[in-house]
Amino acid sequence: MYKRWLSVIAAVLASSASAYAAEVPASFDSKNCKAEYPKASLMNEEQGTVSMSFQVSASGDVLESKVEKSSGFKNLDKAAIKAISACKFKPGSKDGKPDTTWTKVDYAWKLD
């Protein structure tokens, strides 16, 4: 009985892993998509990394965005969301076909 449950669990895990592998999140070229440092943040020497999620359509447009983890500074978070939302994404796919997907993006604000 114990061995049968292990094989059932292994089969469920294998099928869920293959289902998950069938989804590819959207992506974009970060070199061509930069945010402008907010002037107030420059003056206050604010730095940090904002973690965001974007829902991207099958045509590569951002449908929804949200901050997952703040940089610690609202101006930096807002500027990152605004800039990345305006970027053109390469659409994600499900089962090999372009589809609406969520993708995560981290944006690091650093002063030189």
C-alpha atoms as a PDB file:
ATOM      1  CA  MET A   1       0.000   0.000   0.000  1.00  0.00           C
ATOM      2  CA  TYR A   2       2.794   2.421   0.943  1.00  0.00           C
ATOM      3  CA  LYS A   3       4.626   1.790  -2.353  1.00  0.00           C
ATOM      4  CA  ARG A   4       1.421   2.350  -4.323  1.00  0.00           C
ATOM      5  CA  TRP A   5       0.926   5.776  -2.699  1.00  0.00           C
ATOM      6  CA  LEU A   6       4.512   6.728  -3.458  1.00  0.00           C
ATOM      7  CA  SER A   7       4.027   5.884  -7.125  1.00  0.00           C
ATOM      8  CA  VAL A   8       0.757   7.870  -7.205  1.00  0.00           C
ATOM      9  CA  ILE A   9       2.451  10.868  -5.575  1.00  0.00           C
ATOM     10  CA  ALA A  10       5.394  10.606  -7.994  1.00  0.00           C
ATOM     11  CA  ALA A  11       2.997  10.490 -10.971  1.00  0.00           C
ATOM     12  CA  VAL A  12       1.090  13.549  -9.725  1.00  0.00           C
ATOM     13  CA  LEU A  13       4.314  15.483  -9.177  1.00  0.00           C
ATOM     14  CA  ALA A  14       5.608  14.526 -12.629  1.00  0.00           C
ATOM     15  CA  SER A  15       2.389  15.582 -14.359  1.00  0.00           C
ATOM     16  CA  SER A  16       2.215  18.894 -12.484  1.00  0.00           C
ATOM     17  CA  ALA A  17       5.864  19.619 -13.308  1.00  0.00           C
ATOM     18  CA  SER A  18       5.245  19.023 -17.008  1.00  0.00           C
ATOM     19  CA  ALA A  19       2.122  21.211 -16.892  1.00  0.00           C
ATOM     20  CA  TYR A  20       4.104  23.987 -15.240  1.00  0.00           C
ATOM     21  CA  ALA A  21       6.916  23.629 -17.767  1.00  0.00           C
ATOM     22  CA  ALA A  22       4.397  24.261 -20.560  1.00  0.00           C
ATOM     23  CA  GLU A  23       4.076  27.915 -19.460  1.00  0.00           C
ATOM     24  CA  VAL A  24       6.835  30.361 -20.369  1.00  0.00           C
ATOM     25  CA  PRO A  25       6.618  33.848 -18.815  1.00  0.00           C
ATOM     26  CA  ALA A  26       6.889  37.036 -20.848  1.00  0.00           C
ATOM     27  CA  SER A  27      10.265  38.789 -21.102  1.00  0.00           C
ATOM     28  CA  PHE A  28      11.750  42.084 -22.260  1.00  0.00           C
ATOM     29  CA  ASP A  29      15.136  43.523 -23.165  1.00  0.00           C
ATOM     30  CA  SER A  30      16.234  45.406 -20.059  1.00  0.00           C
ATOM     31  CA  LYS A  31      18.992  47.199 -22.022  1.00  0.00           C
ATOM     32  CA  ASN A  32      16.360  48.995 -24.102  1.00  0.00           C
ATOM     33  CA  CYS A  33      14.016  49.735 -21.229  1.00  0.00           C
ATOM     34  CA  LYS A  34      15.435  52.047 -18.570  1.00  0.00           C
ATOM     35  CA  ALA A  35      13.650  54.121 -15.980  1.00  0.00           C
ATOM     36  CA  GLU A  36      14.588  57.738 -15.324  1.00  0.00           C
ATOM     37  CA  TYR A  37      15.843  58.330 -11.788  1.00  0.00           C
ATOM     38  CA  PRO A  38      13.310  60.562 -10.003  1.00  0.00           C
ATOM     39  CA  LYS A  39      14.875  63.950  -9.221  1.00  0.00           C
ATOM     40  CA  ALA A  40      13.725  63.941  -5.580  1.00  0.00           C
ATOM     41  CA  SER A  41      15.198  60.468  -5.130  1.00  0.00           C
ATOM     42  CA  LEU A  42      18.513  61.652  -6.576  1.00  0.00           C
ATOM     43  CA  MET A  43      18.576  64.622  -4.206  1.00  0.00           C
ATOM     44  CA  ASN A  44      17.795  62.357  -1.241  1.00  0.00           C
ATOM     45  CA  GLU A  45      20.305  59.723  -2.411  1.00  0.00           C
ATOM     46  CA  GLU A  46      17.655  56.993  -2.378  1.00  0.00           C
ATOM     47  CA  GLN A  47      18.653  53.548  -3.624  1.00  0.00           C
ATOM     48  CA  GLY A  48      17.060  50.117  -3.563  1.00  0.00           C
ATOM     49  CA  THR A  49      15.569  47.272  -5.546  1.00  0.00           C
ATOM     50  CA  VAL A  50      11.871  47.031  -6.317  1.00  0.00           C
ATOM     51  CA  SER A  51      10.363  43.626  -7.140  1.00  0.00           C
ATOM     52  CA  MET A  52       7.338  43.790  -9.426  1.00  0.00           C
ATOM     53  CA  SER A  53       4.936  41.505 -11.271  1.00  0.00           C
ATOM     54  CA  PHE A  54       3.467  42.249 -14.684  1.00  0.00           C
ATOM     55  CA  GLN A  55       0.595  40.598 -16.470  1.00  0.00           C
ATOM     56  CA  VAL A  56       1.502  40.662 -20.154  1.00  0.00           C
ATOM     57  CA  SER A  57      -0.926  40.000 -23.006  1.00  0.00           C
ATOM     58  CA  ALA A  58      -0.328  37.656 -25.923  1.00  0.00           C
ATOM     59  CA  SER A  59       0.549  40.742 -27.979  1.00  0.00           C
ATOM     60  CA  GLY A  60       3.220  41.894 -25.487  1.00  0.00           C
ATOM     61  CA  ASP A  61       1.349  44.739 -23.800  1.00  0.00           C
ATOM     62  CA  VAL A  62       1.238  45.168 -20.019  1.00  0.00           C
ATOM     63  CA  LEU A  63      -2.300  44.627 -18.739  1.00  0.00           C
ATOM     64  CA  GLU A  64      -1.651  44.901 -15.004  1.00  0.00           C
ATOM     65  CA  SER A  65       1.266  45.612 -12.705  1.00  0.00           C
ATOM     66  CA  LYS A  66       1.959  45.449  -8.989  1.00  0.00           C
ATOM     67  CA  VAL A  67       4.806  45.963  -6.559  1.00  0.00           C
ATOM     68  CA  GLU A  68       5.666  42.695  -4.821  1.00  0.00           C
ATOM     69  CA  LYS A  69       8.438  44.138  -2.637  1.00  0.00           C
ATOM     70  CA  SER A  70       9.154  47.836  -2.278  1.00  0.00           C
ATOM     71  CA  SER A  71      12.546  49.450  -2.662  1.00  0.00           C
ATOM     72  CA  GLY A  72      11.661  51.326   0.489  1.00  0.00           C
ATOM     73  CA  PHE A  73      10.950  54.507  -1.462  1.00  0.00           C
ATOM     74  CA  LYS A  74       7.588  55.270  -3.104  1.00  0.00           C
ATOM     75  CA  ASN A  75       9.119  57.500  -5.799  1.00  0.00           C
ATOM     76  CA  LEU A  76      11.466  54.717  -6.920  1.00  0.00           C
ATOM     77  CA  ASP A  77       8.676  52.133  -6.905  1.00  0.00           C
ATOM     78  CA  LYS A  78       6.348  54.367  -8.952  1.00  0.00           C
ATOM     79  CA  ALA A  79       9.061  55.247 -11.481  1.00  0.00           C
ATOM     80  CA  ALA A  80       9.986  51.586 -11.978  1.00  0.00           C
ATOM     81  CA  ILE A  81       6.362  50.491 -12.484  1.00  0.00           C
ATOM     82  CA  LYS A  82       5.759  53.360 -14.930  1.00  0.00           C
ATOM     83  CA  ALA A  83       8.906  52.703 -16.983  1.00  0.00           C
ATOM     84  CA  ILE A  84       8.630  48.912 -17.181  1.00  0.00           C
ATOM     85  CA  SER A  85       4.892  49.068 -17.915  1.00  0.00           C
ATOM     86  CA  ALA A  86       5.710  51.155 -21.005  1.00  0.00           C
ATOM     87  CA  CYS A  87       8.180  48.556 -22.320  1.00  0.00           C
ATOM     88  CA  LYS A  88       7.329  46.194 -25.134  1.00  0.00           C
ATOM     89  CA  PHE A  89       7.477  42.630 -23.866  1.00  0.00           C
ATOM     90  CA  LYS A  90       8.052  39.431 -25.755  1.00  0.00           C
ATOM     91  CA  PRO A  91       4.814  37.577 -24.966  1.00  0.00           C
ATOM     92  CA  GLY A  92       4.827  34.518 -22.782  1.00  0.00           C
ATOM     93  CA  SER A  93       3.329  31.265 -23.951  1.00  0.00           C
ATOM     94  CA  LYS A  94       1.234  28.354 -22.755  1.00  0.00           C
ATOM     95  CA  ASP A  95       1.631  25.041 -24.519  1.00  0.00           C
ATOM     96  CA  GLY A  96       3.794  26.721 -27.163  1.00  0.00           C
ATOM     97  CA  LYS A  97       1.241  29.396 -28.106  1.00  0.00           C
ATOM     98  CA  PRO A  98       1.459  33.109 -27.192  1.00  0.00           C
ATOM     99  CA  ASP A  99      -0.788  33.776 -24.217  1.00  0.00           C
ATOM    100  CA  THR A 100      -1.346  36.148 -21.314  1.00  0.00           C
ATOM    101  CA  THR A 101       1.134  35.376 -18.526  1.00  0.00           C
ATOM    102  CA  TRP A 102       2.540  36.933 -15.356  1.00  0.00           C
ATOM    103  CA  THR A 103       6.237  37.682 -15.125  1.00  0.00           C
ATOM    104  CA  LYS A 104       8.431  39.026 -12.331  1.00  0.00           C
ATOM    105  CA  VAL A 105      10.907  41.866 -12.747  1.00  0.00           C
ATOM    106  CA  ASP A 106      13.415  43.262 -10.254  1.00  0.00           C
ATOM    107  CA  TYR A 107      14.660  46.804 -10.894  1.00  0.00           C
ATOM    108  CA  ALA A 108      17.711  48.024  -8.984  1.00  0.00           C
ATOM    109  CA  TRP A 109      18.161  51.748  -8.392  1.00  0.00           C
ATOM    110  CA  LYS A 110      21.836  52.542  -7.753  1.00  0.00           C
ATOM    111  CA  LEU A 111      23.674  55.828  -7.536  1.00  0.00           C
ATOM    112  CA  ASP A 112      27.060  55.960  -9.203  1.00  0.00           C
END
